[in-house]
Amino acid sequence: MNVMAIILAAGQGKRMKSKLYKVLHPVCGRPMVGHVLQTVKEADCRRTVVVVGHGAEAVQAYVGGDAEFVLQEQQLGTGHAVLQAQPLLGEEEGTTVILYGDTPLVTANTIKDLLAKHEAAGAAATVLTAVVPNPQGLGRIIRGEDGRVLRIVEQKDCTPEQAAVTEINTGMYCFDNRKLFAALSKVTNHNAQGEYYLTDVLEILHSLGETVEAHIADDYAEGVGVNDRVGLAEAEQLMRARIVRRHQLNGVTVIDPASTYIEADVIIGPDSVIYPGTTLRGATTIGEDCTIGPNADISGSAIGSGVTVKHSVADGAVIGDQTSVGPYAYLRPGTKIGRDCKVGDFVEIKNASLGDGSKVSHLSYVGDAVVGKDVNIGCGAITANYDGFNKSLTEIGDRAFIGSNVNLIAPVKIGDGAYVVAGSTITHDVPSGDLAIARERQTNKEGYADKIRARAKAKKENAKPGI
């Protein structure tokens, strides 16, 4: 079956009260129109046409080469919007699916079921419907005595009897492509809104003796469009629950789904455990047997298997197998951590790599650095990578030992197996196997502490009033 898709995305979405065009508002990390594009792709649609209007350039920039575009210069209704695709699809033989760019919850399985119902019935049109508890504001499905769809009536045009119907139009359809565009030429704007309704095509086809079918969605939420920020939050909640459930069914333990946020593009391996308060965003991948959280914030990162991340932030980081991170670590973009590493509490790493088996256990900053294997970086050690003008590189060789409170003033190289003594400020390279010490020699002055205390006490007493 030759299946095409038309996605209506021309509306500005004034009720969103936003500079961002409606279909580009994200739901679980992906713009709403992106969810719909993914749905038609998974439903095996051969061609996809997006009808743009308001914000056309921004929508096209996001969609890119994933679809063809037509412009609806004036918003004169849904029928008028679909008609703009006629130059591209009008001569095609096959079935056309019509969706909206602001219905991110519709699934590919539902669209496949809709297409199957359409084909089995030999229908000219099949509408996706839903039975909802509150149909206010939605188009009603009006059926004949034989149960077939006669027409769809918009809320403002409903009689009291029609308004009582709870089966509603989701706005999604599939049509015989040739019959769709033939019927669109007969649609008028004689209605309360003065618009050309796509819904009128169904009544036109029925009057011509064509079969018009309906498929009721299992979950009415799939057909809910987002019109304002309240609807956006509701869609986010429903999508988040769906995403968490998918991971659970794939073998991931999510301790508290209600307090866990996972975006649409995240991949998690089986037997990983996600603790409460965790946020996983962007194109993040997590391997098997990981422990993530509580309160981990991970974005656009690649995490191996057997990794632990607690109370920490990772943004654009790569973390190798069996590594532990946190609590309270911050892995910034460009961070690459090897296998069996330890990044401990209050450690910040930026644009730096740690070789396998290396440890930065606490209170350290490693930025713009290449750290070898089995290196120990002590408490409070830092790489001083910025001189006010340029960022410079620090290189630390395999098996080197960097003592506590060491300052490595970049650019500097610490060789394999070198030892830097605690408290040193290193400004020159340290060759392999050498020990570097760069601090003032300690001097003890006998009894001088007692003299300081006595002097301070006398000064305090002399400062009292009346003396």
Protein backbone atom coordinates (compact mmCIF):
# COMPACT_ATOMS: atom_id res chain seq x y z
CA MET A 1 0.00 0.00 0.00
CA ASN A 2 1.35 3.43 -0.99
CA VAL A 3 0.89 5.53 2.17
CA MET A 4 1.55 9.25 2.36
CA ALA A 5 1.19 11.69 5.25
CA ILE A 6 0.14 15.32 5.52
CA ILE A 7 0.97 17.04 8.81
CA LEU A 8 -0.87 20.31 9.46
CA ALA A 9 1.50 22.69 11.25
CA ALA A 10 0.54 26.16 10.04
CA GLY A 11 -1.10 27.55 13.17
CA GLN A 12 0.59 30.20 15.30
CA GLY A 13 -0.87 28.98 18.58
CA LYS A 14 -1.78 32.35 20.13
CA ARG A 15 -3.05 30.68 23.31
CA MET A 16 0.48 29.45 24.03
CA LYS A 17 1.45 33.13 24.55
CA SER A 18 4.94 32.44 23.31
CA LYS A 19 7.50 33.63 20.78
CA LEU A 20 8.03 29.97 19.91
CA TYR A 21 5.60 28.58 17.32
CA LYS A 22 3.23 26.06 18.78
CA VAL A 23 4.35 22.86 17.08
CA LEU A 24 7.96 23.54 18.14
CA HIS A 25 7.14 23.50 21.86
CA PRO A 26 8.85 20.40 23.27
CA VAL A 27 7.19 17.47 24.98
CA CYS A 28 9.71 15.28 26.83
CA GLY A 29 12.60 16.91 25.03
CA ARG A 30 11.29 16.72 21.45
CA PRO A 31 9.18 19.34 19.63
CA MET A 32 5.58 18.24 19.21
CA VAL A 33 5.89 18.11 15.42
CA GLY A 34 8.96 15.90 15.90
CA HIS A 35 6.87 13.31 17.72
CA VAL A 36 4.34 13.32 14.88
CA LEU A 37 7.09 12.96 12.26
CA GLN A 38 8.50 9.99 14.17
CA THR A 39 5.02 8.44 14.28
CA VAL A 40 4.46 8.63 10.50
CA LYS A 41 7.96 7.29 9.91
CA GLU A 42 7.27 4.27 12.12
CA ALA A 43 3.90 3.83 10.37
CA ASP A 44 5.81 3.38 7.07
CA CYS A 45 4.55 6.48 5.28
CA ARG A 46 6.51 6.82 2.04
CA ARG A 47 6.14 10.58 1.64
CA THR A 48 5.45 13.22 4.26
CA VAL A 49 4.29 16.76 3.53
CA VAL A 50 4.24 19.38 6.30
CA VAL A 51 1.89 22.32 5.79
CA VAL A 52 3.53 25.40 7.30
CA GLY A 53 2.31 28.94 7.80
CA HIS A 54 3.22 30.93 10.88
CA GLY A 55 6.86 30.36 11.72
CA ALA A 56 7.45 28.51 8.46
CA GLU A 57 11.20 29.11 8.49
CA ALA A 58 11.62 27.89 12.07
CA VAL A 59 9.54 24.76 11.43
CA GLN A 60 11.41 23.99 8.21
CA ALA A 61 14.75 24.51 9.95
CA TYR A 62 13.81 21.92 12.58
CA VAL A 63 12.27 19.37 10.21
CA GLY A 64 14.98 19.69 7.58
CA GLY A 65 15.05 16.89 5.04
CA ASP A 66 12.64 14.65 6.92
CA ALA A 67 9.64 16.02 4.98
CA GLU A 68 8.46 18.10 2.05
CA PHE A 69 6.83 21.48 2.69
CA VAL A 70 3.96 23.56 1.38
CA LEU A 71 3.01 27.03 2.57
CA GLN A 72 -0.49 28.01 3.68
CA GLU A 73 -0.22 31.79 3.41
CA GLN A 74 -3.69 32.44 4.81
CA GLN A 75 -5.19 30.26 7.53
CA LEU A 76 -8.63 29.58 6.05
CA GLY A 77 -9.34 26.27 7.75
CA THR A 78 -8.18 22.68 7.78
CA GLY A 79 -9.64 21.85 4.39
CA HIS A 80 -7.82 24.79 2.87
CA ALA A 81 -4.60 23.66 4.58
CA VAL A 82 -4.78 20.14 3.12
CA LEU A 83 -5.56 21.56 -0.31
CA GLN A 84 -2.14 23.25 -0.33
CA ALA A 85 -0.56 19.79 -0.67
CA GLN A 86 -2.40 19.06 -3.92
CA PRO A 87 0.50 20.18 -6.20
CA LEU A 88 2.73 17.59 -4.51
CA LEU A 89 0.33 14.71 -3.87
CA GLY A 90 -2.75 15.32 -5.99
CA GLU A 91 -1.83 12.84 -8.74
CA GLU A 92 -0.67 10.06 -6.42
CA GLU A 93 -2.53 6.76 -6.14
CA GLY A 94 -2.74 5.44 -2.60
CA THR A 95 -3.76 6.38 0.92
CA THR A 96 -3.07 9.66 2.68
CA VAL A 97 -2.90 9.98 6.45
CA ILE A 98 -3.66 13.44 7.84
CA LEU A 99 -2.35 14.42 11.26
CA TYR A 100 -1.80 17.60 13.26
CA GLY A 101 1.58 18.88 14.40
CA ASP A 102 0.24 19.54 17.90
CA THR A 103 -0.89 15.96 18.68
CA PRO A 104 2.35 14.45 20.03
CA LEU A 105 0.70 11.51 21.81
CA VAL A 106 -0.57 9.62 18.75
CA THR A 107 1.33 6.36 18.23
CA ALA A 108 2.45 4.49 15.14
CA ASN A 109 0.45 1.42 16.24
CA THR A 110 -2.75 3.46 16.28
CA ILE A 111 -2.03 4.83 12.80
CA LYS A 112 -1.32 1.31 11.55
CA ASP A 113 -4.64 0.13 13.03
CA LEU A 114 -6.39 3.06 11.35
CA LEU A 115 -4.86 2.14 7.99
CA ALA A 116 -5.77 -1.52 8.45
CA LYS A 117 -9.41 -0.64 9.20
CA HIS A 118 -9.46 1.67 6.17
CA GLU A 119 -8.09 -0.97 3.82
CA ALA A 120 -10.24 -3.80 5.14
CA ALA A 121 -13.42 -1.73 4.67
CA GLY A 122 -12.43 -0.49 1.24
CA ALA A 123 -13.28 2.97 2.56
CA ALA A 124 -12.82 6.30 0.85
CA ALA A 125 -12.22 7.87 4.25
CA THR A 126 -11.62 6.60 7.78
CA VAL A 127 -11.57 8.93 10.74
CA LEU A 128 -9.78 8.25 14.02
CA THR A 129 -12.24 8.88 16.82
CA ALA A 130 -12.19 8.67 20.59
CA VAL A 131 -14.77 8.45 23.34
CA VAL A 132 -14.01 11.13 25.91
CA PRO A 133 -15.54 12.05 29.27
CA ASN A 134 -15.78 15.75 28.34
CA PRO A 135 -16.25 16.51 24.64
CA GLN A 136 -16.62 20.28 25.11
CA GLY A 137 -15.05 22.19 22.25
CA LEU A 138 -14.47 19.12 20.08
CA GLY A 139 -16.07 18.00 16.82
CA ARG A 140 -18.74 15.31 17.29
CA ILE A 141 -18.99 12.10 15.28
CA ILE A 142 -22.54 11.75 13.92
CA ARG A 143 -23.39 8.21 12.85
CA GLY A 144 -26.33 6.84 10.90
CA GLU A 145 -28.64 4.02 11.93
CA ASP A 146 -26.24 1.53 10.35
CA GLY A 147 -23.40 2.82 12.53
CA ARG A 148 -21.56 4.40 9.61
CA VAL A 149 -20.19 7.92 9.93
CA LEU A 150 -22.50 10.51 8.36
CA ARG A 151 -20.68 13.68 9.24
CA ILE A 152 -18.56 15.51 11.80
CA VAL A 153 -20.10 18.58 13.41
CA GLU A 154 -17.92 21.22 15.07
CA GLN A 155 -18.85 22.39 18.57
CA LYS A 156 -20.12 25.80 17.44
CA ASP A 157 -22.38 24.22 14.84
CA CYS A 158 -23.86 21.49 17.10
CA THR A 159 -27.52 21.13 17.94
CA PRO A 160 -28.23 20.23 21.60
CA GLU A 161 -28.62 16.55 20.60
CA GLN A 162 -25.34 16.55 18.71
CA ALA A 163 -23.54 18.31 21.57
CA ALA A 164 -24.49 15.39 23.85
CA VAL A 165 -22.46 12.93 21.73
CA THR A 166 -19.22 11.82 23.46
CA GLU A 167 -17.49 10.27 20.46
CA ILE A 168 -15.25 12.97 19.08
CA ASN A 169 -13.09 13.61 16.07
CA THR A 170 -9.38 13.47 16.87
CA GLY A 171 -8.58 15.38 13.69
CA MET A 172 -6.71 12.42 12.25
CA TYR A 173 -7.85 10.57 9.14
CA CYS A 174 -6.83 8.44 6.25
CA PHE A 175 -8.28 8.97 2.78
CA ASP A 176 -8.14 7.53 -0.67
CA ASN A 177 -5.79 10.19 -1.99
CA ARG A 178 -7.53 10.89 -5.32
CA LYS A 179 -11.00 11.00 -3.70
CA LEU A 180 -9.71 13.33 -0.97
CA PHE A 181 -8.60 16.05 -3.36
CA ALA A 182 -11.67 15.63 -5.56
CA ALA A 183 -13.93 16.16 -2.56
CA LEU A 184 -11.89 19.12 -1.28
CA SER A 185 -12.81 21.06 -4.42
CA LYS A 186 -16.47 20.90 -3.28
CA VAL A 187 -15.94 22.13 0.28
CA THR A 188 -17.50 25.53 1.09
CA ASN A 189 -17.08 27.92 4.02
CA HIS A 190 -20.77 28.20 4.92
CA ASN A 191 -20.34 27.76 8.68
CA ALA A 192 -20.03 29.78 11.88
CA GLN A 193 -16.30 30.28 11.42
CA GLY A 194 -16.33 31.04 7.70
CA GLU A 195 -13.64 28.39 7.19
CA TYR A 196 -13.14 25.44 4.87
CA TYR A 197 -13.46 22.41 7.14
CA LEU A 198 -11.69 19.17 6.29
CA THR A 199 -14.48 17.44 8.17
CA ASP A 200 -16.92 18.39 5.39
CA VAL A 201 -15.08 15.99 3.07
CA LEU A 202 -16.60 13.07 4.96
CA GLU A 203 -20.16 14.27 4.36
CA ILE A 204 -19.37 14.93 0.69
CA LEU A 205 -17.96 11.42 0.25
CA HIS A 206 -20.97 9.92 2.03
CA SER A 207 -23.36 11.81 -0.25
CA LEU A 208 -21.53 10.31 -3.25
CA GLY A 209 -22.16 6.81 -1.92
CA GLU A 210 -18.61 6.27 -0.75
CA THR A 211 -17.82 4.27 2.37
CA VAL A 212 -16.82 6.40 5.35
CA GLU A 213 -15.47 4.43 8.31
CA ALA A 214 -14.27 5.24 11.82
CA HIS A 215 -11.68 3.66 14.06
CA ILE A 216 -11.97 4.31 17.79
CA ALA A 217 -8.61 4.81 19.50
CA ASP A 218 -7.93 2.62 22.53
CA ASP A 219 -6.60 5.63 24.45
CA TYR A 220 -8.46 8.87 23.88
CA ALA A 221 -5.40 10.85 25.01
CA GLU A 222 -3.68 10.01 21.71
CA GLY A 223 -6.00 12.39 19.92
CA VAL A 224 -5.71 15.31 22.31
CA GLY A 225 -4.18 18.39 20.74
CA VAL A 226 -2.13 20.92 22.71
CA ASN A 227 -3.62 24.42 22.64
CA ASP A 228 -2.05 26.16 25.65
CA ARG A 229 0.52 25.71 28.40
CA VAL A 230 -1.94 23.71 30.51
CA GLY A 231 -2.40 21.23 27.67
CA LEU A 232 1.36 21.17 27.14
CA ALA A 233 1.93 20.13 30.75
CA GLU A 234 -0.77 17.47 30.50
CA ALA A 235 0.80 16.06 27.33
CA GLU A 236 4.19 16.09 29.05
CA GLN A 237 2.80 14.11 31.98
CA LEU A 238 1.16 11.52 29.74
CA MET A 239 4.23 11.18 27.53
CA ARG A 240 6.53 10.85 30.53
CA ALA A 241 4.42 8.02 31.95
CA ARG A 242 4.48 6.29 28.57
CA ILE A 243 8.27 6.60 28.30
CA VAL A 244 8.87 5.28 31.82
CA ARG A 245 6.55 2.33 31.19
CA ARG A 246 8.43 1.48 27.97
CA HIS A 247 11.73 1.36 29.87
CA GLN A 248 10.19 -0.73 32.64
CA LEU A 249 8.90 -3.25 30.11
CA ASN A 250 12.41 -3.37 28.63
CA GLY A 251 13.92 -4.44 31.96
CA VAL A 252 14.74 -1.14 33.68
CA THR A 253 13.78 -0.60 37.31
CA VAL A 254 12.33 2.86 37.94
CA ILE A 255 11.87 3.17 41.68
CA ASP A 256 9.38 6.08 41.57
CA PRO A 257 8.04 6.92 38.11
CA ALA A 258 6.25 10.02 39.42
CA SER A 259 9.54 11.66 40.43
CA THR A 260 11.60 10.51 37.45
CA TYR A 261 11.90 12.51 34.23
CA ILE A 262 13.10 10.68 31.10
CA GLU A 263 13.00 12.32 27.69
CA ALA A 264 11.96 10.62 24.48
CA ASP A 265 15.39 9.90 22.99
CA VAL A 266 17.00 8.32 26.08
CA ILE A 267 18.16 4.69 25.81
CA ILE A 268 18.64 2.57 28.96
CA GLY A 269 19.97 -0.98 29.15
CA PRO A 270 18.30 -3.79 31.13
CA ASP A 271 18.89 -4.29 34.85
CA SER A 272 19.74 -0.64 35.37
CA VAL A 273 18.04 1.07 38.31
CA ILE A 274 16.82 4.67 38.19
CA TYR A 275 16.32 6.27 41.60
CA PRO A 276 13.94 9.16 42.42
CA GLY A 277 14.71 12.73 41.48
CA THR A 278 16.62 11.73 38.36
CA THR A 279 16.41 13.65 35.07
CA LEU A 280 17.63 12.02 31.85
CA ARG A 281 17.61 14.29 28.82
CA GLY A 282 18.62 14.50 25.17
CA ALA A 283 20.40 11.70 23.33
CA THR A 284 21.57 10.03 26.54
CA THR A 285 22.48 6.35 26.49
CA ILE A 286 22.90 4.25 29.64
CA GLY A 287 24.23 0.72 29.60
CA GLU A 288 23.25 -2.34 31.59
CA ASP A 289 23.47 -2.82 35.38
CA CYS A 290 23.82 0.89 36.15
CA THR A 291 22.64 2.73 39.25
CA ILE A 292 21.53 6.23 38.38
CA GLY A 293 20.46 8.61 41.12
CA PRO A 294 19.01 9.59 43.37
CA ASN A 295 18.97 13.17 42.05
CA ALA A 296 21.15 12.67 38.99
CA ASP A 297 20.84 15.17 36.13
CA ILE A 298 22.22 13.66 32.92
CA SER A 299 21.96 15.29 29.51
CA GLY A 300 23.34 14.20 26.14
CA SER A 301 25.77 11.75 27.73
CA ALA A 302 26.97 8.23 26.96
CA ILE A 303 27.22 6.01 30.04
CA GLY A 304 28.66 2.51 29.95
CA SER A 305 27.57 -0.56 31.92
CA GLY A 306 27.91 -1.04 35.65
CA VAL A 307 28.18 2.72 36.25
CA THR A 308 27.00 4.52 39.38
CA VAL A 309 26.00 8.19 39.27
CA LYS A 310 24.66 9.71 42.50
CA HIS A 311 23.56 13.31 43.17
CA SER A 312 25.57 14.52 40.19
CA VAL A 313 25.32 16.40 36.90
CA ALA A 314 26.65 15.10 33.57
CA ASP A 315 26.28 17.25 30.47
CA GLY A 316 27.73 15.95 27.22
CA ALA A 317 29.98 13.50 29.04
CA VAL A 318 31.21 9.98 28.27
CA ILE A 319 31.56 7.60 31.23
CA GLY A 320 33.20 4.19 30.90
CA ASP A 321 32.14 0.85 32.36
CA GLN A 322 32.29 0.21 36.12
CA THR A 323 33.02 3.86 36.94
CA SER A 324 31.49 5.65 39.92
CA VAL A 325 30.55 9.31 39.89
CA GLY A 326 29.50 11.44 42.85
CA PRO A 327 28.00 12.41 45.05
CA TYR A 328 27.91 16.04 43.91
CA ALA A 329 30.21 15.79 40.89
CA TYR A 330 29.85 17.98 37.81
CA LEU A 331 30.91 16.54 34.46
CA ARG A 332 30.82 19.30 31.86
CA PRO A 333 30.86 19.01 28.04
CA GLY A 334 33.88 17.27 26.59
CA THR A 335 34.46 15.06 29.63
CA LYS A 336 35.58 11.50 28.87
CA ILE A 337 35.97 9.12 31.79
CA GLY A 338 37.50 5.68 31.25
CA ARG A 339 36.73 2.31 32.81
CA ASP A 340 36.97 1.63 36.56
CA CYS A 341 37.45 5.29 37.41
CA LYS A 342 36.31 7.20 40.45
CA VAL A 343 35.08 10.77 40.32
CA GLY A 344 34.13 11.71 43.85
CA ASP A 345 32.38 14.43 45.79
CA PHE A 346 32.58 18.06 44.69
CA VAL A 347 34.76 17.28 41.68
CA GLU A 348 34.33 19.28 38.47
CA ILE A 349 35.70 18.01 35.16
CA LYS A 350 35.53 19.99 31.91
CA ASN A 351 36.82 19.11 28.44
CA ALA A 352 39.16 16.55 29.94
CA SER A 353 39.79 12.81 29.66
CA LEU A 354 40.63 10.35 32.43
CA GLY A 355 42.26 7.07 31.51
CA ASP A 356 41.14 3.70 32.86
CA GLY A 357 41.55 3.24 36.60
CA SER A 358 42.23 6.90 37.40
CA LYS A 359 40.79 8.59 40.49
CA VAL A 360 39.78 12.15 41.33
CA SER A 361 38.21 11.50 44.68
CA HIS A 362 37.21 14.88 46.10
CA LEU A 363 37.24 18.67 45.91
CA SER A 364 39.18 19.00 42.66
CA TYR A 365 38.90 20.76 39.31
CA VAL A 366 40.28 19.15 36.14
CA GLY A 367 39.77 21.25 33.04
CA ASP A 368 41.32 21.08 29.55
CA ALA A 369 43.43 18.09 30.50
CA VAL A 370 44.53 14.67 29.27
CA VAL A 371 44.98 12.32 32.23
CA GLY A 372 46.48 8.87 31.69
CA LYS A 373 45.71 5.49 33.26
CA ASP A 374 45.86 4.68 36.98
CA VAL A 375 46.49 8.29 37.98
CA ASN A 376 45.61 9.53 41.46
CA ILE A 377 44.65 13.19 41.78
CA GLY A 378 44.51 14.23 45.43
CA CYS A 379 42.04 16.32 47.35
CA GLY A 380 41.91 19.97 46.33
CA ALA A 381 44.18 19.61 43.29
CA ILE A 382 43.38 21.76 40.28
CA THR A 383 44.49 22.40 36.74
CA ALA A 384 44.87 26.16 36.29
CA ASN A 385 43.87 26.16 32.64
CA TYR A 386 42.94 29.81 31.98
CA ASP A 387 45.26 32.81 32.04
CA GLY A 388 42.59 35.40 31.35
CA PHE A 389 43.05 35.14 27.59
CA ASN A 390 43.59 31.52 26.54
CA LYS A 391 42.77 27.99 27.69
CA SER A 392 45.85 25.75 27.91
CA LEU A 393 46.33 22.00 28.19
CA THR A 394 47.56 19.95 31.12
CA GLU A 395 48.91 16.46 30.38
CA ILE A 396 49.36 13.84 33.08
CA GLY A 397 50.99 10.52 32.21
CA ASP A 398 50.08 6.99 33.31
CA ARG A 399 50.50 6.06 36.99
CA ALA A 400 51.37 9.62 38.03
CA PHE A 401 50.53 10.77 41.54
CA ILE A 402 49.24 14.30 42.10
CA GLY A 403 49.21 15.22 45.79
CA SER A 404 46.58 17.20 47.66
CA ASN A 405 46.26 20.94 47.01
CA VAL A 406 48.51 20.84 43.97
CA ASN A 407 48.16 23.59 41.36
CA LEU A 408 49.15 22.56 37.84
CA ILE A 409 49.67 25.77 35.88
CA ALA A 410 48.91 24.97 32.23
CA PRO A 411 50.45 24.38 29.79
CA VAL A 412 52.36 21.72 31.67
CA LYS A 413 53.21 18.02 31.30
CA ILE A 414 53.55 15.50 34.11
CA GLY A 415 55.35 12.38 32.89
CA ASP A 416 54.53 8.69 33.44
CA GLY A 417 55.00 7.62 37.05
CA ALA A 418 55.94 11.14 38.20
CA TYR A 419 55.13 12.24 41.74
CA VAL A 420 54.02 15.76 42.62
CA VAL A 421 54.25 16.55 46.31
CA ALA A 422 51.19 17.94 48.13
CA GLY A 423 50.87 21.70 48.22
CA SER A 424 53.08 22.29 45.18
CA THR A 425 52.41 24.83 42.44
CA ILE A 426 53.86 23.36 39.26
CA THR A 427 54.82 25.71 36.44
CA HIS A 428 57.34 23.51 34.57
CA ASP A 429 57.16 20.03 33.08
CA VAL A 430 57.93 17.07 35.36
CA PRO A 431 59.76 14.25 33.52
CA SER A 432 58.71 10.62 33.90
CA GLY A 433 59.73 9.05 37.19
CA ASP A 434 60.70 12.37 38.79
CA LEU A 435 59.41 13.86 42.02
CA ALA A 436 58.45 17.53 41.94
CA ILE A 437 58.17 19.78 44.98
CA ALA A 438 57.40 23.45 44.60
CA ARG A 439 56.66 25.04 47.95
CA GLU A 440 58.42 27.22 50.55
CA ARG A 441 60.64 25.29 52.96
CA GLN A 442 59.02 25.07 56.40
CA THR A 443 60.55 27.09 59.25
CA ASN A 444 59.56 26.65 62.93
CA LYS A 445 60.20 29.60 65.31
CA GLU A 446 60.53 28.32 68.86
CA GLY A 447 58.00 29.82 71.31
CA TYR A 448 56.82 32.41 68.83
CA ALA A 449 53.16 31.35 69.02
CA ASP A 450 53.06 32.21 72.74
CA LYS A 451 54.56 35.66 72.00
CA ILE A 452 51.84 36.36 69.39
CA ARG A 453 49.08 35.40 71.82
CA ALA A 454 50.52 37.61 74.62
CA ARG A 455 50.87 40.57 72.28
CA ALA A 456 47.28 40.18 71.06
CA LYS A 457 45.95 39.92 74.62
CA ALA A 458 47.74 43.09 75.71
CA LYS A 459 46.44 45.03 72.71
CA LYS A 460 42.89 43.95 73.48
CA GLU A 461 43.10 45.02 77.15
CA ASN A 462 44.57 48.43 76.25
CA ALA A 463 41.64 49.04 73.94
CA LYS A 464 39.04 48.76 76.79
CA PRO A 465 37.16 52.00 77.69
CA GLY A 466 38.58 53.96 80.63
CA ILE A 467 42.06 52.50 80.43
